[in-house]
PDB file of all heavy atoms in Angstrom:
ATOM      1  N   PRO A   1    -179.017  26.240 -18.087  1.00  0.00           N
ATOM      2  CA  PRO A   1    -179.832  27.375 -17.636  1.00  0.00           C
ATOM      3  C   PRO A   1    -178.956  28.475 -17.042  1.00  0.00           C
ATOM      4  O   PRO A   1    -178.010  28.190 -16.304  1.00  0.00           O
ATOM      5  CB  PRO A   1    -180.740  26.742 -16.576  1.00  0.00           C
ATOM      6  CG  PRO A   1    -180.830  25.297 -16.971  1.00  0.00           C
ATOM      7  CD  PRO A   1    -179.492  24.955 -17.540  1.00  0.00           C
ATOM      8  N   LEU A   2    -179.279  29.711 -17.355  1.00  0.00           N
ATOM      9  CA  LEU A   2    -178.416  30.828 -16.983  1.00  0.00           C
ATOM     10  C   LEU A   2    -178.160  30.894 -15.484  1.00  0.00           C
ATOM     11  O   LEU A   2    -177.028  31.152 -15.053  1.00  0.00           O
ATOM     12  CB  LEU A   2    -179.028  32.147 -17.483  1.00  0.00           C
ATOM     13  CG  LEU A   2    -178.193  33.411 -17.247  1.00  0.00           C
ATOM     14  CD1 LEU A   2    -176.818  33.284 -17.897  1.00  0.00           C
ATOM     15  CD2 LEU A   2    -178.931  34.627 -17.793  1.00  0.00           C
ATOM     16  N   LEU A   3    -179.179  30.632 -14.670  1.00  0.00           N
ATOM     17  CA  LEU A   3    -179.000  30.706 -13.222  1.00  0.00           C
ATOM     18  C   LEU A   3    -178.088  29.592 -12.699  1.00  0.00           C
ATOM     19  O   LEU A   3    -177.552  29.696 -11.594  1.00  0.00           O
ATOM     20  CB  LEU A   3    -180.355  30.642 -12.513  1.00  0.00           C
ATOM     21  CG  LEU A   3    -181.264  31.857 -12.713  1.00  0.00           C
ATOM     22  CD1 LEU A   3    -182.597  31.644 -12.014  1.00  0.00           C
ATOM     23  CD2 LEU A   3    -180.586  33.130 -12.207  1.00  0.00           C
ATOM     24  N   GLN A   4    -177.899  28.542 -13.489  1.00  0.00           N
ATOM     25  CA  GLN A   4    -177.012  27.454 -13.092  1.00  0.00           C
ATOM     26  C   GLN A   4    -175.627  27.563 -13.722  1.00  0.00           C
ATOM     27  O   GLN A   4    -174.771  26.701 -13.493  1.00  0.00           O
ATOM     28  CB  GLN A   4    -177.646  26.115 -13.484  1.00  0.00           C
ATOM     29  CG  GLN A   4    -178.957  25.831 -12.791  1.00  0.00           C
ATOM     30  CD  GLN A   4    -179.630  24.568 -13.316  1.00  0.00           C
ATOM     31  OE1 GLN A   4    -178.978  23.674 -13.842  1.00  0.00           O
ATOM     32  NE2 GLN A   4    -180.945  24.504 -13.186  1.00  0.00           N
ATOM     33  N   ALA A   5    -175.406  28.604 -14.521  1.00  0.00           N
ATOM     34  CA  ALA A   5    -174.137  28.765 -15.241  1.00  0.00           C
ATOM     35  C   ALA A   5    -173.066  29.307 -14.291  1.00  0.00           C
ATOM     36  O   ALA A   5    -172.669  30.472 -14.347  1.00  0.00           O
ATOM     37  CB  ALA A   5    -174.324  29.693 -16.432  1.00  0.00           C
ATOM     38  N   THR A   6    -172.632  28.427 -13.397  1.00  0.00           N
ATOM     39  CA  THR A   6    -171.652  28.750 -12.375  1.00  0.00           C
ATOM     40  C   THR A   6    -170.750  27.540 -12.172  1.00  0.00           C
ATOM     41  O   THR A   6    -171.033  26.448 -12.680  1.00  0.00           O
ATOM     42  CB  THR A   6    -172.336  29.072 -11.036  1.00  0.00           C
ATOM     43  OG1 THR A   6    -173.088  27.911 -10.626  1.00  0.00           O
ATOM     44  CG2 THR A   6    -173.277  30.261 -11.156  1.00  0.00           C
ATOM     45  N   VAL A   7    -169.687  27.715 -11.420  1.00  0.00           N
ATOM     46  CA  VAL A   7    -168.847  26.569 -11.074  1.00  0.00           C
ATOM     47  C   VAL A   7    -169.653  25.514 -10.311  1.00  0.00           C
ATOM     48  O   VAL A   7    -169.606  24.328 -10.661  1.00  0.00           O
ATOM     49  CB  VAL A   7    -167.600  27.018 -10.289  1.00  0.00           C
ATOM     50  CG1 VAL A   7    -166.853  25.812  -9.713  1.00  0.00           C
ATOM     51  CG2 VAL A   7    -166.670  27.827 -11.188  1.00  0.00           C
ATOM     52  N   PRO A   8    -170.408  25.878  -9.259  1.00  0.00           N
ATOM     53  CA  PRO A   8    -171.223  24.864  -8.585  1.00  0.00           C
ATOM     54  C   PRO A   8    -172.215  24.172  -9.514  1.00  0.00           C
ATOM     55  O   PRO A   8    -172.479  22.975  -9.377  1.00  0.00           O
ATOM     56  CB  PRO A   8    -171.944  25.652  -7.488  1.00  0.00           C
ATOM     57  CG  PRO A   8    -171.034  26.811  -7.212  1.00  0.00           C
ATOM     58  CD  PRO A   8    -170.460  27.176  -8.546  1.00  0.00           C
ATOM     59  N   GLY A   9    -172.781  24.918 -10.482  1.00  0.00           N
ATOM     60  CA  GLY A   9    -173.698  24.318 -11.440  1.00  0.00           C
ATOM     61  C   GLY A   9    -173.025  23.259 -12.294  1.00  0.00           C
ATOM     62  O   GLY A   9    -173.600  22.200 -12.573  1.00  0.00           O
ATOM     63  N   LEU A  10    -171.787  23.522 -12.709  1.00  0.00           N
ATOM     64  CA  LEU A  10    -171.031  22.546 -13.494  1.00  0.00           C
ATOM     65  C   LEU A  10    -170.631  21.342 -12.652  1.00  0.00           C
ATOM     66  O   LEU A  10    -170.607  20.208 -13.142  1.00  0.00           O
ATOM     67  CB  LEU A  10    -169.786  23.208 -14.098  1.00  0.00           C
ATOM     68  CG  LEU A  10    -170.073  24.198 -15.230  1.00  0.00           C
ATOM     69  CD1 LEU A  10    -168.809  24.992 -15.574  1.00  0.00           C
ATOM     70  CD2 LEU A  10    -170.592  23.488 -16.473  1.00  0.00           C
ATOM     71  N   VAL A  11    -170.330  21.575 -11.381  1.00  0.00           N
ATOM     72  CA  VAL A  11    -170.007  20.455 -10.483  1.00  0.00           C
ATOM     73  C   VAL A  11    -171.225  19.536 -10.353  1.00  0.00           C
ATOM     74  O   VAL A  11    -171.097  18.307 -10.412  1.00  0.00           O
ATOM     75  CB  VAL A  11    -169.547  20.964  -9.107  1.00  0.00           C
ATOM     76  CG1 VAL A  11    -169.406  19.808  -8.125  1.00  0.00           C
ATOM     77  CG2 VAL A  11    -168.220  21.715  -9.236  1.00  0.00           C
ATOM     78  N   SER A  12    -172.398  20.119 -10.208  1.00  0.00           N
ATOM     79  CA  SER A  12    -173.626  19.325 -10.123  1.00  0.00           C
ATOM     80  C   SER A  12    -173.838  18.517 -11.400  1.00  0.00           C
ATOM     81  O   SER A  12    -174.282  17.361 -11.351  1.00  0.00           O
ATOM     82  CB  SER A  12    -174.837  20.236  -9.880  1.00  0.00           C
ATOM     83  OG  SER A  12    -174.754  20.863  -8.622  1.00  0.00           O
ATOM     84  N   TYR A  13    -173.504  19.116 -12.534  1.00  0.00           N
ATOM     85  CA  TYR A  13    -173.617  18.411 -13.818  1.00  0.00           C
ATOM     86  C   TYR A  13    -172.696  17.194 -13.850  1.00  0.00           C
ATOM     87  O   TYR A  13    -173.096  16.101 -14.265  1.00  0.00           O
ATOM     88  CB  TYR A  13    -173.273  19.366 -14.966  1.00  0.00           C
ATOM     89  CG  TYR A  13    -173.413  18.762 -16.337  1.00  0.00           C
ATOM     90  CD1 TYR A  13    -174.639  18.797 -17.002  1.00  0.00           C
ATOM     91  CD2 TYR A  13    -172.328  18.162 -16.977  1.00  0.00           C
ATOM     92  CE1 TYR A  13    -174.772  18.243 -18.269  1.00  0.00           C
ATOM     93  CE2 TYR A  13    -172.457  17.604 -18.233  1.00  0.00           C
ATOM     94  CZ  TYR A  13    -173.684  17.654 -18.877  1.00  0.00           C
ATOM     95  OH  TYR A  13    -173.827  17.095 -20.127  1.00  0.00           O
ATOM     96  N   VAL A  14    -171.452  17.367 -13.394  1.00  0.00           N
ATOM     97  CA  VAL A  14    -170.502  16.250 -13.370  1.00  0.00           C
ATOM     98  C   VAL A  14    -170.971  15.171 -12.393  1.00  0.00           C
ATOM     99  O   VAL A  14    -170.865  13.971 -12.670  1.00  0.00           O
ATOM    100  CB  VAL A  14    -169.084  16.746 -13.005  1.00  0.00           C
ATOM    101  CG1 VAL A  14    -168.119  15.572 -12.816  1.00  0.00           C
ATOM    102  CG2 VAL A  14    -168.564  17.694 -14.090  1.00  0.00           C
ATOM    103  N   GLU A  15    -171.513  15.574 -11.251  1.00  0.00           N
ATOM    104  CA  GLU A  15    -172.040  14.608 -10.285  1.00  0.00           C
ATOM    105  C   GLU A  15    -173.150  13.764 -10.908  1.00  0.00           C
ATOM    106  O   GLU A  15    -173.193  12.533 -10.739  1.00  0.00           O
ATOM    107  CB  GLU A  15    -172.559  15.327  -9.037  1.00  0.00           C
ATOM    108  CG  GLU A  15    -171.460  15.906  -8.169  1.00  0.00           C
ATOM    109  CD  GLU A  15    -171.997  16.733  -7.014  1.00  0.00           C
ATOM    110  OE1 GLU A  15    -173.087  17.330  -7.151  1.00  0.00           O
ATOM    111  OE2 GLU A  15    -171.317  16.794  -5.973  1.00  0.00           O
ATOM    112  N   SER A  16    -174.038  14.411 -11.653  1.00  0.00           N
ATOM    113  CA  SER A  16    -175.121  13.695 -12.308  1.00  0.00           C
ATOM    114  C   SER A  16    -174.577  12.769 -13.390  1.00  0.00           C
ATOM    115  O   SER A  16    -175.039  11.625 -13.544  1.00  0.00           O
ATOM    116  CB  SER A  16    -176.107  14.699 -12.922  1.00  0.00           C
ATOM    117  OG  SER A  16    -177.156  14.043 -13.585  1.00  0.00           O
ATOM    118  N   PHE A  17    -173.586  13.231 -14.124  1.00  0.00           N
ATOM    119  CA  PHE A  17    -172.954  12.421 -15.182  1.00  0.00           C
ATOM    120  C   PHE A  17    -172.333  11.156 -14.588  1.00  0.00           C
ATOM    121  O   PHE A  17    -172.530  10.045 -15.095  1.00  0.00           O
ATOM    122  CB  PHE A  17    -171.890  13.261 -15.887  1.00  0.00           C
ATOM    123  CG  PHE A  17    -171.135  12.533 -16.964  1.00  0.00           C
ATOM    124  CD1 PHE A  17    -171.695  12.346 -18.219  1.00  0.00           C
ATOM    125  CD2 PHE A  17    -169.859  12.041 -16.728  1.00  0.00           C
ATOM    126  CE1 PHE A  17    -170.996  11.678 -19.220  1.00  0.00           C
ATOM    127  CE2 PHE A  17    -169.161  11.368 -17.714  1.00  0.00           C
ATOM    128  CZ  PHE A  17    -169.726  11.194 -18.964  1.00  0.00           C
ATOM    129  N   VAL A  18    -171.585  11.313 -13.511  1.00  0.00           N
ATOM    130  CA  VAL A  18    -170.941  10.172 -12.851  1.00  0.00           C
ATOM    131  C   VAL A  18    -171.983   9.177 -12.356  1.00  0.00           C
ATOM    132  O   VAL A  18    -171.820   7.952 -12.499  1.00  0.00           O
ATOM    133  CB  VAL A  18    -170.052  10.662 -11.681  1.00  0.00           C
ATOM    134  CG1 VAL A  18    -169.600   9.498 -10.809  1.00  0.00           C
ATOM    135  CG2 VAL A  18    -168.846  11.430 -12.215  1.00  0.00           C
ATOM    136  N   GLU A  19    -173.075   9.697 -11.803  1.00  0.00           N
ATOM    137  CA  GLU A  19    -174.128   8.827 -11.277  1.00  0.00           C
ATOM    138  C   GLU A  19    -174.839   8.074 -12.396  1.00  0.00           C
ATOM    139  O   GLU A  19    -175.042   6.852 -12.313  1.00  0.00           O
ATOM    140  CB  GLU A  19    -175.132   9.657 -10.483  1.00  0.00           C
ATOM    141  CG  GLU A  19    -176.296   8.844  -9.912  1.00  0.00           C
ATOM    142  CD  GLU A  19    -177.330   9.707  -9.223  1.00  0.00           C
ATOM    143  OE1 GLU A  19    -177.098  10.927  -9.079  1.00  0.00           O
ATOM    144  OE2 GLU A  19    -178.381   9.156  -8.844  1.00  0.00           O
ATOM    145  N   LYS A  20    -175.221   8.780 -13.452  1.00  0.00           N
ATOM    146  CA  LYS A  20    -175.988   8.157 -14.527  1.00  0.00           C
ATOM    147  C   LYS A  20    -175.166   7.111 -15.279  1.00  0.00           C
ATOM    148  O   LYS A  20    -175.701   6.078 -15.707  1.00  0.00           O
ATOM    149  CB  LYS A  20    -176.483   9.219 -15.507  1.00  0.00           C
ATOM    150  CG  LYS A  20    -177.563  10.121 -14.950  1.00  0.00           C
ATOM    151  CD  LYS A  20    -178.854   9.358 -14.700  1.00  0.00           C
ATOM    152  CE  LYS A  20    -179.972  10.299 -14.266  1.00  0.00           C
ATOM    153  NZ  LYS A  20    -181.224   9.569 -13.976  1.00  0.00           N
ATOM    154  N   LEU A  21    -173.868   7.369 -15.457  1.00  0.00           N
ATOM    155  CA  LEU A  21    -173.017   6.397 -16.144  1.00  0.00           C
ATOM    156  C   LEU A  21    -172.526   5.295 -15.213  1.00  0.00           C
ATOM    157  O   LEU A  21    -171.830   4.378 -15.649  1.00  0.00           O
ATOM    158  CB  LEU A  21    -171.815   7.087 -16.801  1.00  0.00           C
ATOM    159  CG  LEU A  21    -172.011   7.433 -18.290  1.00  0.00           C
ATOM    160  CD1 LEU A  21    -173.072   8.515 -18.454  1.00  0.00           C
ATOM    161  CD2 LEU A  21    -170.700   7.846 -18.930  1.00  0.00           C
ATOM    162  N   GLN A  22    -172.897   5.392 -13.950  1.00  0.00           N
ATOM    163  CA  GLN A  22    -172.533   4.393 -12.951  1.00  0.00           C
ATOM    164  C   GLN A  22    -171.024   4.114 -12.974  1.00  0.00           C
ATOM    165  O   GLN A  22    -170.579   2.969 -13.054  1.00  0.00           O
ATOM    166  CB  GLN A  22    -173.326   3.096 -13.179  1.00  0.00           C
ATOM    167  CG  GLN A  22    -174.826   3.281 -13.052  1.00  0.00           C
ATOM    168  CD  GLN A  22    -175.604   1.989 -13.233  1.00  0.00           C
ATOM    169  OE1 GLN A  22    -175.104   1.009 -13.771  1.00  0.00           O
ATOM    170  NE2 GLN A  22    -176.847   1.990 -12.785  1.00  0.00           N
ATOM    171  N   LEU A  23    -170.251   5.198 -12.876  1.00  0.00           N
ATOM    172  CA  LEU A  23    -168.799   5.067 -12.869  1.00  0.00           C
ATOM    173  C   LEU A  23    -168.348   4.400 -11.581  1.00  0.00           C
ATOM    174  O   LEU A  23    -169.054   4.435 -10.570  1.00  0.00           O
ATOM    175  CB  LEU A  23    -168.137   6.435 -13.030  1.00  0.00           C
ATOM    176  CG  LEU A  23    -168.411   7.158 -14.349  1.00  0.00           C
ATOM    177  CD1 LEU A  23    -167.532   8.391 -14.478  1.00  0.00           C
ATOM    178  CD2 LEU A  23    -168.206   6.239 -15.548  1.00  0.00           C
ATOM    179  N   PRO A  24    -167.169   3.789 -11.582  1.00  0.00           N
ATOM    180  CA  PRO A  24    -166.672   3.085 -10.386  1.00  0.00           C
ATOM    181  C   PRO A  24    -166.603   3.992  -9.167  1.00  0.00           C
ATOM    182  O   PRO A  24    -166.602   5.227  -9.280  1.00  0.00           O
ATOM    183  CB  PRO A  24    -165.271   2.634 -10.819  1.00  0.00           C
ATOM    184  CG  PRO A  24    -165.309   2.606 -12.302  1.00  0.00           C
ATOM    185  CD  PRO A  24    -166.245   3.687 -12.713  1.00  0.00           C
ATOM    186  N   THR A  25    -166.515   3.353  -8.019  1.00  0.00           N
ATOM    187  CA  THR A  25    -166.487   4.098  -6.756  1.00  0.00           C
ATOM    188  C   THR A  25    -165.352   5.108  -6.735  1.00  0.00           C
ATOM    189  O   THR A  25    -165.499   6.217  -6.225  1.00  0.00           O
ATOM    190  CB  THR A  25    -166.332   3.126  -5.573  1.00  0.00           C
ATOM    191  OG1 THR A  25    -167.397   2.188  -5.618  1.00  0.00           O
ATOM    192  CG2 THR A  25    -166.372   3.874  -4.247  1.00  0.00           C
ATOM    193  N   GLU A  26    -164.195   4.731  -7.290  1.00  0.00           N
ATOM    194  CA  GLU A  26    -163.053   5.645  -7.331  1.00  0.00           C
ATOM    195  C   GLU A  26    -162.531   5.763  -8.763  1.00  0.00           C
ATOM    196  O   GLU A  26    -162.509   4.775  -9.505  1.00  0.00           O
ATOM    197  CB  GLU A  26    -161.929   5.146  -6.417  1.00  0.00           C
ATOM    198  CG  GLU A  26    -162.266   5.224  -4.932  1.00  0.00           C
ATOM    199  CD  GLU A  26    -161.059   4.921  -4.064  1.00  0.00           C
ATOM    200  OE1 GLU A  26    -160.019   4.504  -4.614  1.00  0.00           O
ATOM    201  OE2 GLU A  26    -161.157   5.108  -2.841  1.00  0.00           O
ATOM    202  N   PHE A  27    -162.109   6.962  -9.112  1.00  0.00           N
ATOM    203  CA  PHE A  27    -161.535   7.186 -10.439  1.00  0.00           C
ATOM    204  C   PHE A  27    -160.548   8.341 -10.367  1.00  0.00           C
ATOM    205  O   PHE A  27    -160.449   9.047  -9.354  1.00  0.00           O
ATOM    206  CB  PHE A  27    -162.626   7.475 -11.481  1.00  0.00           C
ATOM    207  CG  PHE A  27    -163.583   8.563 -11.084  1.00  0.00           C
ATOM    208  CD1 PHE A  27    -163.285   9.898 -11.315  1.00  0.00           C
ATOM    209  CD2 PHE A  27    -164.795   8.247 -10.472  1.00  0.00           C
ATOM    210  CE1 PHE A  27    -164.166  10.899 -10.949  1.00  0.00           C
ATOM    211  CE2 PHE A  27    -165.693   9.242 -10.102  1.00  0.00           C
ATOM    212  CZ  PHE A  27    -165.374  10.575 -10.344  1.00  0.00           C
ATOM    213  N   THR A  28    -159.793   8.524 -11.451  1.00  0.00           N
ATOM    214  CA  THR A  28    -158.831   9.620 -11.550  1.00  0.00           C
ATOM    215  C   THR A  28    -159.479  10.764 -12.313  1.00  0.00           C
ATOM    216  O   THR A  28    -160.076  10.567 -13.372  1.00  0.00           O
ATOM    217  CB  THR A  28    -157.556   9.157 -12.284  1.00  0.00           C
ATOM    218  OG1 THR A  28    -156.998   8.037 -11.587  1.00  0.00           O
ATOM    219  CG2 THR A  28    -156.530  10.273 -12.344  1.00  0.00           C
ATOM    220  N   LEU A  29    -159.369  11.967 -11.777  1.00  0.00           N
ATOM    221  CA  LEU A  29    -160.019  13.142 -12.352  1.00  0.00           C
ATOM    222  C   LEU A  29    -158.966  14.120 -12.853  1.00  0.00           C
ATOM    223  O   LEU A  29    -158.028  14.467 -12.126  1.00  0.00           O
ATOM    224  CB  LEU A  29    -160.894  13.795 -11.273  1.00  0.00           C
ATOM    225  CG  LEU A  29    -161.844  14.918 -11.670  1.00  0.00           C
ATOM    226  CD1 LEU A  29    -162.769  14.493 -12.796  1.00  0.00           C
ATOM    227  CD2 LEU A  29    -162.668  15.349 -10.454  1.00  0.00           C
ATOM    228  N   LEU A  30    -159.099  14.538 -14.117  1.00  0.00           N
ATOM    229  CA  LEU A  30    -158.173  15.478 -14.738  1.00  0.00           C
ATOM    230  C   LEU A  30    -158.945  16.703 -15.203  1.00  0.00           C
ATOM    231  O   LEU A  30    -160.056  16.581 -15.729  1.00  0.00           O
ATOM    232  CB  LEU A  30    -157.469  14.867 -15.945  1.00  0.00           C
ATOM    233  CG  LEU A  30    -156.528  13.683 -15.747  1.00  0.00           C
ATOM    234  CD1 LEU A  30    -157.286  12.371 -15.614  1.00  0.00           C
ATOM    235  CD2 LEU A  30    -155.541  13.585 -16.915  1.00  0.00           C
ATOM    236  N   GLY A  31    -158.354  17.894 -15.043  1.00  0.00           N
ATOM    237  CA  GLY A  31    -159.030  19.097 -15.490  1.00  0.00           C
ATOM    238  C   GLY A  31    -158.066  20.159 -15.977  1.00  0.00           C
ATOM    239  O   GLY A  31    -157.009  20.374 -15.384  1.00  0.00           O
ATOM    240  N   ASN A  32    -158.444  20.822 -17.065  1.00  0.00           N
ATOM    241  CA  ASN A  32    -157.683  21.946 -17.601  1.00  0.00           C
ATOM    242  C   ASN A  32    -158.477  23.231 -17.411  1.00  0.00           C
ATOM    243  O   ASN A  32    -159.679  23.274 -17.683  1.00  0.00           O
ATOM    244  CB  ASN A  32    -157.398  21.728 -19.091  1.00  0.00           C
ATOM    245  CG  ASN A  32    -156.817  22.969 -19.770  1.00  0.00           C
ATOM    246  OD1 ASN A  32    -157.400  23.514 -20.703  1.00  0.00           O
ATOM    247  ND2 ASN A  32    -155.673  23.429 -19.299  1.00  0.00           N
ATOM    248  N   SER A  33    -157.807  24.280 -16.918  1.00  0.00           N
ATOM    249  CA  SER A  33    -158.396  25.600 -16.784  1.00  0.00           C
ATOM    250  C   SER A  33    -159.670  25.534 -15.932  1.00  0.00           C
ATOM    251  O   SER A  33    -159.632  25.058 -14.798  1.00  0.00           O
ATOM    252  CB  SER A  33    -158.670  26.181 -18.177  1.00  0.00           C
ATOM    253  OG  SER A  33    -158.951  27.556 -18.113  1.00  0.00           O
ATOM    254  N   LEU A  34    -160.814  25.964 -16.456  1.00  0.00           N
ATOM    255  CA  LEU A  34    -162.067  25.869 -15.710  1.00  0.00           C
ATOM    256  C   LEU A  34    -162.364  24.422 -15.316  1.00  0.00           C
ATOM    257  O   LEU A  34    -162.893  24.151 -14.231  1.00  0.00           O
ATOM    258  CB  LEU A  34    -163.217  26.422 -16.549  1.00  0.00           C
ATOM    259  CG  LEU A  34    -164.618  26.234 -15.964  1.00  0.00           C
ATOM    260  CD1 LEU A  34    -164.827  27.114 -14.742  1.00  0.00           C
ATOM    261  CD2 LEU A  34    -165.674  26.512 -17.024  1.00  0.00           C
ATOM    262  N   GLY A  35    -161.996  23.468 -16.180  1.00  0.00           N
ATOM    263  CA  GLY A  35    -162.202  22.057 -15.859  1.00  0.00           C
ATOM    264  C   GLY A  35    -161.439  21.633 -14.622  1.00  0.00           C
ATOM    265  O   GLY A  35    -161.899  20.781 -13.851  1.00  0.00           O
ATOM    266  N   GLY A  36    -160.265  22.220 -14.397  1.00  0.00           N
ATOM    267  CA  GLY A  36    -159.516  21.944 -13.178  1.00  0.00           C
ATOM    268  C   GLY A  36    -160.227  22.479 -11.956  1.00  0.00           C
ATOM    269  O   GLY A  36    -160.243  21.845 -10.896  1.00  0.00           O
ATOM    270  N   HIS A  37    -160.808  23.660 -12.088  1.00  0.00           N
ATOM    271  CA  HIS A  37    -161.575  24.278 -11.000  1.00  0.00           C
ATOM    272  C   HIS A  37    -162.761  23.385 -10.622  1.00  0.00           C
ATOM    273  O   HIS A  37    -163.010  23.116  -9.436  1.00  0.00           O
ATOM    274  CB  HIS A  37    -162.067  25.645 -11.474  1.00  0.00           C
ATOM    275  CG  HIS A  37    -162.437  26.587 -10.388  1.00  0.00           C
ATOM    276  ND1 HIS A  37    -162.348  27.952 -10.516  1.00  0.00           N
ATOM    277  CD2 HIS A  37    -162.918  26.380  -9.142  1.00  0.00           C
ATOM    278  CE1 HIS A  37    -162.744  28.543  -9.397  1.00  0.00           C
ATOM    279  NE2 HIS A  37    -163.102  27.597  -8.549  1.00  0.00           N
ATOM    280  N   VAL A  38    -163.484  22.922 -11.643  1.00  0.00           N
ATOM    281  CA  VAL A  38    -164.617  22.026 -11.414  1.00  0.00           C
ATOM    282  C   VAL A  38    -164.138  20.726 -10.764  1.00  0.00           C
ATOM    283  O   VAL A  38    -164.782  20.206  -9.837  1.00  0.00           O
ATOM    284  CB  VAL A  38    -165.359  21.745 -12.737  1.00  0.00           C
ATOM    285  CG1 VAL A  38    -166.446  20.680 -12.546  1.00  0.00           C
ATOM    286  CG2 VAL A  38    -165.970  23.029 -13.295  1.00  0.00           C
ATOM    287  N   ALA A  39    -162.997  20.218 -11.217  1.00  0.00           N
ATOM    288  CA  ALA A  39    -162.447  18.987 -10.642  1.00  0.00           C
ATOM    289  C   ALA A  39    -162.114  19.163  -9.165  1.00  0.00           C
ATOM    290  O   ALA A  39    -162.362  18.268  -8.346  1.00  0.00           O
ATOM    291  CB  ALA A  39    -161.197  18.568 -11.417  1.00  0.00           C
ATOM    292  N   LEU A  40    -161.557  20.301  -8.805  1.00  0.00           N
ATOM    293  CA  LEU A  40    -161.228  20.564  -7.405  1.00  0.00           C
ATOM    294  C   LEU A  40    -162.476  20.611  -6.533  1.00  0.00           C
ATOM    295  O   LEU A  40    -162.522  20.004  -5.459  1.00  0.00           O
ATOM    296  CB  LEU A  40    -160.465  21.889  -7.293  1.00  0.00           C
ATOM    297  CG  LEU A  40    -159.005  21.881  -7.739  1.00  0.00           C
ATOM    298  CD1 LEU A  40    -158.514  23.297  -7.973  1.00  0.00           C
ATOM    299  CD2 LEU A  40    -158.131  21.176  -6.703  1.00  0.00           C
TER     300      LEU A  40
END
């Protein structure tokens, strides 16, 4: 959605992805360009 097309919006998407896939408590995060920004 256009109003969510922001860095915080993408961070929320990754948070939901991690939760739904039930990823381990700790993991290694890698990001390139905008992906690095979202990772930070």
